[in-house]
Amino acid sequence: MILGIYHSTHEHSGNTAEVNAAITAQRLRDLETIARAGFNTIACPLNLQNAPAFLKRAGELGVGVLVENNDPQGLMAMVTSLKYYSPGAVLGYQVVDDADNGKYTAAQIKAMSAQVKAIDPEALTYISAGSGKAIYFTGLSDALGVQEYPIPFEPISRAYTAIKPIVDRAGMQPVIVNAQAFDWKRTIGTVVSRPPTPAEVQQMAYSSIGAGVKGVLFYCFTDSSGWRLSDDLPLWRECSMVVKELKAVGLRRGW
């Protein structure tokens, strides 16, 4: 079973070389923290320059990597290069993030997934979409991520009620919940955002497991907003505890 977390910082061409080097170095340090906490998977953006060192260290730590392309040469160049760099170092590829944003049609997503599999048949193809529309994106990749970020604007029961129909539609395709572990940092009406409580994180994870998901990817350890999950120690500890609890009852990575 995938028990992982997103790490969503990106090197950008508009940054200085020093800034990009700092982002790369911090990602490697965070990988160590994530591995020590017991996570077996990290989903993160990489490019052809920083991928080799990151994948090498992830392999040493026993952490699978779901690679999001962050290289100007494109996803297929990444897949081709990394396949020959270190076969098996990559758990899989995020073919499309936010599949429901209208950038790609379902047919295009399916074709991209097929292209990845043609280059590297052993790599998992993965897409993600919001829980409100993810049901329309089943069957296009090996695994489907469902983004469920309800706190504090929607009932936490969505972690079951919104995900169960998607799991049912997906059939044999594994569904992985993208469970909220961040603060939206915005206000809707009179409701001011906040991160989930430790109890809410636990409820989201276990409700999703009850709905039939085959993995949990918390979103997120850090992103460009400055959010860092490890700075919220109670929340970070609960995410880590959920991973350890799931391992303790015999759930392992894989289908």
C-alpha atoms as a PDB file:
ATOM      1  CA  MET A   1       0.000   0.000   0.000  1.00  0.00           C
ATOM      2  CA  ILE A   2       1.214   3.488  -0.858  1.00  0.00           C
ATOM      3  CA  LEU A   3       1.608   5.465   2.366  1.00  0.00           C
ATOM      4  CA  GLY A   4       3.096   8.687   1.171  1.00  0.00           C
ATOM      5  CA  ILE A   5       3.166  12.430   0.977  1.00  0.00           C
ATOM      6  CA  TYR A   6       3.457  15.163  -1.627  1.00  0.00           C
ATOM      7  CA  HIS A   7       6.445  17.519  -1.663  1.00  0.00           C
ATOM      8  CA  SER A   8       5.417  20.342  -3.973  1.00  0.00           C
ATOM      9  CA  THR A   9       8.281  22.790  -4.374  1.00  0.00           C
ATOM     10  CA  HIS A  10       9.616  23.490  -7.864  1.00  0.00           C
ATOM     11  CA  GLU A  11      12.837  24.844  -9.267  1.00  0.00           C
ATOM     12  CA  HIS A  12      12.016  27.587 -11.792  1.00  0.00           C
ATOM     13  CA  SER A  13      13.941  29.024 -14.739  1.00  0.00           C
ATOM     14  CA  GLY A  14      13.196  32.514 -13.377  1.00  0.00           C
ATOM     15  CA  ASN A  15      15.035  31.778 -10.133  1.00  0.00           C
ATOM     16  CA  THR A  16      18.711  32.396  -9.607  1.00  0.00           C
ATOM     17  CA  ALA A  17      20.950  29.340  -9.646  1.00  0.00           C
ATOM     18  CA  GLU A  18      21.469  29.786  -5.905  1.00  0.00           C
ATOM     19  CA  VAL A  19      17.738  29.754  -5.174  1.00  0.00           C
ATOM     20  CA  ASN A  20      17.179  26.632  -7.264  1.00  0.00           C
ATOM     21  CA  ALA A  21      20.146  24.911  -5.602  1.00  0.00           C
ATOM     22  CA  ALA A  22      18.641  25.715  -2.204  1.00  0.00           C
ATOM     23  CA  ILE A  23      15.278  24.216  -3.245  1.00  0.00           C
ATOM     24  CA  THR A  24      17.009  21.051  -4.466  1.00  0.00           C
ATOM     25  CA  ALA A  25      19.067  20.721  -1.278  1.00  0.00           C
ATOM     26  CA  GLN A  26      16.044  21.280   0.961  1.00  0.00           C
ATOM     27  CA  ARG A  27      14.073  18.603  -0.888  1.00  0.00           C
ATOM     28  CA  LEU A  28      16.831  16.100  -0.168  1.00  0.00           C
ATOM     29  CA  ARG A  29      16.853  17.059   3.517  1.00  0.00           C
ATOM     30  CA  ASP A  30      13.081  16.746   3.669  1.00  0.00           C
ATOM     31  CA  LEU A  31      13.323  13.297   2.089  1.00  0.00           C
ATOM     32  CA  GLU A  32      15.353  12.194   5.106  1.00  0.00           C
ATOM     33  CA  THR A  33      12.682  13.541   7.472  1.00  0.00           C
ATOM     34  CA  ILE A  34       9.888  11.872   5.516  1.00  0.00           C
ATOM     35  CA  ALA A  35      11.700   8.522   5.479  1.00  0.00           C
ATOM     36  CA  ARG A  36      12.388   8.671   9.234  1.00  0.00           C
ATOM     37  CA  ALA A  37       8.668   9.262   9.825  1.00  0.00           C
ATOM     38  CA  GLY A  38       7.883   5.953   8.114  1.00  0.00           C
ATOM     39  CA  PHE A  39       6.439   7.081   4.776  1.00  0.00           C
ATOM     40  CA  ASN A  40       7.174   4.708   1.907  1.00  0.00           C
ATOM     41  CA  THR A  41       6.355   7.065  -0.976  1.00  0.00           C
ATOM     42  CA  ILE A  42       7.010  10.681  -1.945  1.00  0.00           C
ATOM     43  CA  ALA A  43       5.350  12.480  -4.863  1.00  0.00           C
ATOM     44  CA  CYS A  44       7.463  15.383  -6.055  1.00  0.00           C
ATOM     45  CA  PRO A  45       8.647  17.390  -9.073  1.00  0.00           C
ATOM     46  CA  LEU A  46      12.055  16.524 -10.478  1.00  0.00           C
ATOM     47  CA  ASN A  47      14.111  17.413 -13.524  1.00  0.00           C
ATOM     48  CA  LEU A  48      16.905  15.688 -15.394  1.00  0.00           C
ATOM     49  CA  GLN A  49      19.537  17.507 -13.352  1.00  0.00           C
ATOM     50  CA  ASN A  50      18.322  16.825  -9.826  1.00  0.00           C
ATOM     51  CA  ALA A  51      16.599  13.461 -10.330  1.00  0.00           C
ATOM     52  CA  PRO A  52      19.674  11.156 -10.205  1.00  0.00           C
ATOM     53  CA  ALA A  53      20.856  12.183  -6.736  1.00  0.00           C
ATOM     54  CA  PHE A  54      17.327  12.315  -5.353  1.00  0.00           C
ATOM     55  CA  LEU A  55      16.366   8.895  -6.708  1.00  0.00           C
ATOM     56  CA  LYS A  56      19.598   7.360  -5.478  1.00  0.00           C
ATOM     57  CA  ARG A  57      19.003   8.579  -1.929  1.00  0.00           C
ATOM     58  CA  ALA A  58      15.311   7.641  -2.010  1.00  0.00           C
ATOM     59  CA  GLY A  59      16.287   4.121  -3.037  1.00  0.00           C
ATOM     60  CA  GLU A  60      18.754   3.886  -0.180  1.00  0.00           C
ATOM     61  CA  LEU A  61      16.024   4.979   2.233  1.00  0.00           C
ATOM     62  CA  GLY A  62      13.406   2.623   0.796  1.00  0.00           C
ATOM     63  CA  VAL A  63      11.115   5.427  -0.360  1.00  0.00           C
ATOM     64  CA  GLY A  64       9.348   5.059  -3.706  1.00  0.00           C
ATOM     65  CA  VAL A  65       9.140   8.177  -5.871  1.00  0.00           C
ATOM     66  CA  LEU A  66       6.144   9.301  -7.914  1.00  0.00           C
ATOM     67  CA  VAL A  67       7.834  11.718 -10.291  1.00  0.00           C
ATOM     68  CA  GLU A  68       6.132  14.875 -11.493  1.00  0.00           C
ATOM     69  CA  ASN A  69       7.937  16.254 -14.528  1.00  0.00           C
ATOM     70  CA  ASN A  70       9.645  19.595 -13.951  1.00  0.00           C
ATOM     71  CA  ASP A  71      11.992  19.453 -16.923  1.00  0.00           C
ATOM     72  CA  PRO A  72      11.608  21.618 -20.045  1.00  0.00           C
ATOM     73  CA  GLN A  73      12.287  18.588 -22.238  1.00  0.00           C
ATOM     74  CA  GLY A  74       8.982  17.105 -21.119  1.00  0.00           C
ATOM     75  CA  LEU A  75       7.633  14.026 -19.390  1.00  0.00           C
ATOM     76  CA  MET A  76       8.607  11.491 -22.036  1.00  0.00           C
ATOM     77  CA  ALA A  77      12.223  12.653 -21.978  1.00  0.00           C
ATOM     78  CA  MET A  78      12.189  12.193 -18.209  1.00  0.00           C
ATOM     79  CA  VAL A  79      10.744   8.687 -18.477  1.00  0.00           C
ATOM     80  CA  THR A  80      13.266   7.674 -21.155  1.00  0.00           C
ATOM     81  CA  SER A  81      16.256   9.052 -19.270  1.00  0.00           C
ATOM     82  CA  LEU A  82      15.314   7.731 -15.846  1.00  0.00           C
ATOM     83  CA  LYS A  83      14.513   4.271 -17.159  1.00  0.00           C
ATOM     84  CA  TYR A  84      18.082   3.878 -18.333  1.00  0.00           C
ATOM     85  CA  TYR A  85      19.638   5.795 -15.438  1.00  0.00           C
ATOM     86  CA  SER A  86      18.380   3.385 -12.815  1.00  0.00           C
ATOM     87  CA  PRO A  87      15.749   0.800 -13.680  1.00  0.00           C
ATOM     88  CA  GLY A  88      13.278   0.455 -10.842  1.00  0.00           C
ATOM     89  CA  ALA A  89      14.332   3.642  -9.059  1.00  0.00           C
ATOM     90  CA  VAL A  90      11.049   5.308  -9.968  1.00  0.00           C
ATOM     91  CA  LEU A  91       7.806   3.988  -8.511  1.00  0.00           C
ATOM     92  CA  GLY A  92       5.834   5.838 -11.146  1.00  0.00           C
ATOM     93  CA  TYR A  93       5.005   9.081 -12.924  1.00  0.00           C
ATOM     94  CA  GLN A  94       2.387  11.719 -12.306  1.00  0.00           C
ATOM     95  CA  VAL A  95       1.159  11.899 -15.866  1.00  0.00           C
ATOM     96  CA  VAL A  96      -1.296  14.708 -15.092  1.00  0.00           C
ATOM     97  CA  ASP A  97      -1.981  16.638 -11.912  1.00  0.00           C
ATOM     98  CA  ASP A  98      -5.400  18.304 -11.529  1.00  0.00           C
ATOM     99  CA  ALA A  99      -6.788  16.260 -14.407  1.00  0.00           C
ATOM    100  CA  ASP A 100     -10.128  18.010 -13.958  1.00  0.00           C
ATOM    101  CA  ASN A 101      -8.796  21.500 -14.791  1.00  0.00           C
ATOM    102  CA  GLY A 102      -9.700  21.209 -18.467  1.00  0.00           C
ATOM    103  CA  LYS A 103      -6.156  21.353 -19.803  1.00  0.00           C
ATOM    104  CA  TYR A 104      -6.324  17.836 -21.220  1.00  0.00           C
ATOM    105  CA  THR A 105      -9.155  15.647 -22.484  1.00  0.00           C
ATOM    106  CA  ALA A 106      -9.663  12.152 -21.135  1.00  0.00           C
ATOM    107  CA  ALA A 107      -8.431  10.756 -24.447  1.00  0.00           C
ATOM    108  CA  GLN A 108      -5.234  12.802 -24.241  1.00  0.00           C
ATOM    109  CA  ILE A 109      -4.566  11.660 -20.670  1.00  0.00           C
ATOM    110  CA  LYS A 110      -5.073   8.026 -21.638  1.00  0.00           C
ATOM    111  CA  ALA A 111      -2.717   8.444 -24.588  1.00  0.00           C
ATOM    112  CA  MET A 112      -0.024  10.029 -22.399  1.00  0.00           C
ATOM    113  CA  SER A 113      -0.329   7.188 -19.899  1.00  0.00           C
ATOM    114  CA  ALA A 114       0.083   4.704 -22.735  1.00  0.00           C
ATOM    115  CA  GLN A 115       3.188   6.550 -23.960  1.00  0.00           C
ATOM    116  CA  VAL A 116       4.774   6.278 -20.513  1.00  0.00           C
ATOM    117  CA  LYS A 117       3.995   2.554 -20.329  1.00  0.00           C
ATOM    118  CA  ALA A 118       5.449   2.011 -23.804  1.00  0.00           C
ATOM    119  CA  ILE A 119       8.756   3.515 -22.632  1.00  0.00           C
ATOM    120  CA  ASP A 120       8.807   2.007 -19.135  1.00  0.00           C
ATOM    121  CA  PRO A 121       6.289  -0.822 -18.696  1.00  0.00           C
ATOM    122  CA  GLU A 122       7.268  -1.297 -15.047  1.00  0.00           C
ATOM    123  CA  ALA A 123       6.470   2.276 -13.982  1.00  0.00           C
ATOM    124  CA  LEU A 124       3.126   3.133 -12.438  1.00  0.00           C
ATOM    125  CA  THR A 125       1.124   5.782 -14.302  1.00  0.00           C
ATOM    126  CA  TYR A 126      -0.775   8.098 -11.990  1.00  0.00           C
ATOM    127  CA  ILE A 127      -3.140  11.031 -12.347  1.00  0.00           C
ATOM    128  CA  SER A 128      -5.078  12.991  -9.755  1.00  0.00           C
ATOM    129  CA  ALA A 129      -8.285  15.006  -9.749  1.00  0.00           C
ATOM    130  CA  GLY A 130     -10.640  16.654  -7.285  1.00  0.00           C
ATOM    131  CA  SER A 131     -13.170  14.358  -5.664  1.00  0.00           C
ATOM    132  CA  GLY A 132     -16.051  16.197  -7.324  1.00  0.00           C
ATOM    133  CA  LYS A 133     -14.952  15.198 -10.832  1.00  0.00           C
ATOM    134  CA  ALA A 134     -12.479  12.342 -10.399  1.00  0.00           C
ATOM    135  CA  ILE A 135     -15.166   9.807 -11.277  1.00  0.00           C
ATOM    136  CA  TYR A 136     -14.916  10.997 -14.905  1.00  0.00           C
ATOM    137  CA  PHE A 137     -11.203  10.141 -15.020  1.00  0.00           C
ATOM    138  CA  THR A 138     -11.260   6.494 -14.011  1.00  0.00           C
ATOM    139  CA  GLY A 139      -9.568   3.956 -16.256  1.00  0.00           C
ATOM    140  CA  LEU A 140      -7.095   6.377 -17.847  1.00  0.00           C
ATOM    141  CA  SER A 141      -3.995   5.369 -15.864  1.00  0.00           C
ATOM    142  CA  ASP A 142      -2.723   2.607 -13.604  1.00  0.00           C
ATOM    143  CA  ALA A 143      -3.780   4.485 -10.467  1.00  0.00           C
ATOM    144  CA  LEU A 144      -6.080   7.416  -9.763  1.00  0.00           C
ATOM    145  CA  GLY A 145      -5.479   9.983  -7.039  1.00  0.00           C
ATOM    146  CA  VAL A 146      -8.555  11.616  -5.541  1.00  0.00           C
ATOM    147  CA  GLN A 147      -8.005  15.013  -3.937  1.00  0.00           C
ATOM    148  CA  GLU A 148     -10.132  15.369  -0.815  1.00  0.00           C
ATOM    149  CA  TYR A 149      -9.485  18.683   0.941  1.00  0.00           C
ATOM    150  CA  PRO A 150     -12.664  19.511   2.857  1.00  0.00           C
ATOM    151  CA  ILE A 151     -11.427  21.322   5.963  1.00  0.00           C
ATOM    152  CA  PRO A 152     -12.991  23.644   7.058  1.00  0.00           C
ATOM    153  CA  PHE A 153     -15.474  24.386   4.274  1.00  0.00           C
ATOM    154  CA  GLU A 154     -17.126  20.993   3.740  1.00  0.00           C
ATOM    155  CA  PRO A 155     -18.117  18.056   5.970  1.00  0.00           C
ATOM    156  CA  ILE A 156     -15.332  15.614   6.733  1.00  0.00           C
ATOM    157  CA  SER A 157     -17.719  12.787   5.896  1.00  0.00           C
ATOM    158  CA  ARG A 158     -16.819  13.462   2.241  1.00  0.00           C
ATOM    159  CA  ALA A 159     -13.718  11.362   2.844  1.00  0.00           C
ATOM    160  CA  TYR A 160     -16.099   8.413   2.597  1.00  0.00           C
ATOM    161  CA  THR A 161     -19.199   9.632   0.750  1.00  0.00           C
ATOM    162  CA  ALA A 162     -17.344  11.345  -2.116  1.00  0.00           C
ATOM    163  CA  ILE A 163     -14.710   8.651  -2.533  1.00  0.00           C
ATOM    164  CA  LYS A 164     -16.786   5.460  -2.331  1.00  0.00           C
ATOM    165  CA  PRO A 165     -18.576   6.019  -5.697  1.00  0.00           C
ATOM    166  CA  ILE A 166     -15.213   6.721  -7.366  1.00  0.00           C
ATOM    167  CA  VAL A 167     -13.734   3.505  -5.977  1.00  0.00           C
ATOM    168  CA  ASP A 168     -16.793   1.604  -7.183  1.00  0.00           C
ATOM    169  CA  ARG A 169     -16.527   3.101 -10.682  1.00  0.00           C
ATOM    170  CA  ALA A 170     -12.770   2.479 -10.843  1.00  0.00           C
ATOM    171  CA  GLY A 171     -13.234  -1.251 -10.289  1.00  0.00           C
ATOM    172  CA  MET A 172      -9.819  -2.926 -10.361  1.00  0.00           C
ATOM    173  CA  GLN A 173      -7.987   0.373 -10.826  1.00  0.00           C
ATOM    174  CA  PRO A 174      -6.388   1.369  -7.511  1.00  0.00           C
ATOM    175  CA  VAL A 175      -7.620   4.657  -6.052  1.00  0.00           C
ATOM    176  CA  ILE A 176      -5.297   6.657  -3.807  1.00  0.00           C
ATOM    177  CA  VAL A 177      -6.719   9.358  -1.569  1.00  0.00           C
ATOM    178  CA  ASN A 178      -4.888  12.680  -1.530  1.00  0.00           C
ATOM    179  CA  ALA A 179      -5.749  13.513   2.075  1.00  0.00           C
ATOM    180  CA  GLN A 180      -5.647  17.112   3.261  1.00  0.00           C
ATOM    181  CA  ALA A 181      -2.731  18.028   5.507  1.00  0.00           C
ATOM    182  CA  PHE A 182      -2.504  21.757   4.796  1.00  0.00           C
ATOM    183  CA  ASP A 183      -4.241  25.065   5.374  1.00  0.00           C
ATOM    184  CA  TRP A 184      -6.105  26.610   2.419  1.00  0.00           C
ATOM    185  CA  LYS A 185      -5.101  30.070   3.762  1.00  0.00           C
ATOM    186  CA  ARG A 186      -8.217  31.770   2.531  1.00  0.00           C
ATOM    187  CA  THR A 187     -11.665  32.889   3.649  1.00  0.00           C
ATOM    188  CA  ILE A 188     -14.973  31.834   2.095  1.00  0.00           C
ATOM    189  CA  GLY A 189     -17.910  33.842   3.352  1.00  0.00           C
ATOM    190  CA  THR A 190     -17.451  34.092   7.093  1.00  0.00           C
ATOM    191  CA  VAL A 191     -15.419  30.872   7.346  1.00  0.00           C
ATOM    192  CA  VAL A 192     -11.688  31.362   7.838  1.00  0.00           C
ATOM    193  CA  SER A 193      -9.431  28.543   6.712  1.00  0.00           C
ATOM    194  CA  ARG A 194      -7.420  26.373   9.071  1.00  0.00           C
ATOM    195  CA  PRO A 195      -5.480  23.129   8.750  1.00  0.00           C
ATOM    196  CA  PRO A 196      -7.138  19.874   9.787  1.00  0.00           C
ATOM    197  CA  THR A 197      -6.814  18.798  13.385  1.00  0.00           C
ATOM    198  CA  PRO A 198      -4.950  15.566  14.122  1.00  0.00           C
ATOM    199  CA  ALA A 199      -8.295  13.853  14.774  1.00  0.00           C
ATOM    200  CA  GLU A 200      -9.637  15.043  11.407  1.00  0.00           C
ATOM    201  CA  VAL A 201      -6.566  13.758   9.580  1.00  0.00           C
ATOM    202  CA  GLN A 202      -7.023  10.365  11.188  1.00  0.00           C
ATOM    203  CA  GLN A 203     -10.719  10.334  10.299  1.00  0.00           C
ATOM    204  CA  MET A 204     -10.049  11.295   6.673  1.00  0.00           C
ATOM    205  CA  ALA A 205      -7.446   8.576   6.242  1.00  0.00           C
ATOM    206  CA  TYR A 206      -9.475   5.786   7.820  1.00  0.00           C
ATOM    207  CA  SER A 207     -12.750   6.828   6.203  1.00  0.00           C
ATOM    208  CA  SER A 208     -11.013   6.663   2.836  1.00  0.00           C
ATOM    209  CA  ILE A 209      -9.586   3.245   3.642  1.00  0.00           C
ATOM    210  CA  GLY A 210     -13.108   2.182   4.544  1.00  0.00           C
ATOM    211  CA  ALA A 211     -14.288   3.473   1.156  1.00  0.00           C
ATOM    212  CA  GLY A 212     -11.805   1.136  -0.514  1.00  0.00           C
ATOM    213  CA  VAL A 213      -8.771   3.237  -1.425  1.00  0.00           C
ATOM    214  CA  LYS A 214      -5.493   1.398  -1.904  1.00  0.00           C
ATOM    215  CA  GLY A 215      -3.212   4.125  -0.627  1.00  0.00           C
ATOM    216  CA  VAL A 216      -2.899   7.443   1.162  1.00  0.00           C
ATOM    217  CA  LEU A 217      -0.873  10.388  -0.128  1.00  0.00           C
ATOM    218  CA  PHE A 218      -1.031  13.311   2.265  1.00  0.00           C
ATOM    219  CA  TYR A 219      -0.977  16.753   0.692  1.00  0.00           C
ATOM    220  CA  CYS A 220       1.438  18.145   1.520  1.00  0.00           C
ATOM    221  CA  PHE A 221       4.776  18.294   3.327  1.00  0.00           C
ATOM    222  CA  THR A 222       5.570  21.662   1.769  1.00  0.00           C
ATOM    223  CA  ASP A 223       4.609  23.830  -1.190  1.00  0.00           C
ATOM    224  CA  SER A 224       5.327  27.223  -2.743  1.00  0.00           C
ATOM    225  CA  SER A 225       3.001  29.007  -0.285  1.00  0.00           C
ATOM    226  CA  GLY A 226       5.506  28.453   2.490  1.00  0.00           C
ATOM    227  CA  TRP A 227       3.450  25.747   4.209  1.00  0.00           C
ATOM    228  CA  ARG A 228       5.576  23.149   5.991  1.00  0.00           C
ATOM    229  CA  LEU A 229       3.732  20.300   7.638  1.00  0.00           C
ATOM    230  CA  SER A 230       6.570  19.580  10.046  1.00  0.00           C
ATOM    231  CA  ASP A 231       6.115  23.068  11.518  1.00  0.00           C
ATOM    232  CA  ASP A 232       2.688  21.954  12.786  1.00  0.00           C
ATOM    233  CA  LEU A 233       4.022  19.279  15.104  1.00  0.00           C
ATOM    234  CA  PRO A 234       0.699  17.758  16.278  1.00  0.00           C
ATOM    235  CA  LEU A 235      -0.507  17.426  12.679  1.00  0.00           C
ATOM    236  CA  TRP A 236       2.816  16.070  11.441  1.00  0.00           C
ATOM    237  CA  ARG A 237       2.937  13.526  14.233  1.00  0.00           C
ATOM    238  CA  GLU A 238      -0.599  12.350  13.469  1.00  0.00           C
ATOM    239  CA  CYS A 239       0.153  11.878   9.763  1.00  0.00           C
ATOM    240  CA  SER A 240       3.215   9.860  10.742  1.00  0.00           C
ATOM    241  CA  MET A 241       1.189   7.870  13.264  1.00  0.00           C
ATOM    242  CA  VAL A 242      -1.460   6.992  10.662  1.00  0.00           C
ATOM    243  CA  VAL A 243       1.302   5.578   8.456  1.00  0.00           C
ATOM    244  CA  LYS A 244       2.726   3.529  11.308  1.00  0.00           C
ATOM    245  CA  GLU A 245      -0.712   2.260  12.319  1.00  0.00           C
ATOM    246  CA  LEU A 246      -1.503   1.131   8.795  1.00  0.00           C
ATOM    247  CA  LYS A 247       1.817  -0.663   8.571  1.00  0.00           C
ATOM    248  CA  ALA A 248       1.196  -2.288  11.944  1.00  0.00           C
ATOM    249  CA  VAL A 249      -2.007  -3.928  10.745  1.00  0.00           C
ATOM    250  CA  GLY A 250      -0.179  -5.530   7.866  1.00  0.00           C
ATOM    251  CA  LEU A 251      -0.811  -3.158   4.974  1.00  0.00           C
ATOM    252  CA  ARG A 252       2.157  -2.897   2.664  1.00  0.00           C
ATOM    253  CA  ARG A 253       3.030  -0.932  -0.432  1.00  0.00           C
ATOM    254  CA  GLY A 254       1.732  -2.605  -3.578  1.00  0.00           C
ATOM    255  CA  TRP A 255      -1.678  -3.710  -4.735  1.00  0.00           C
END
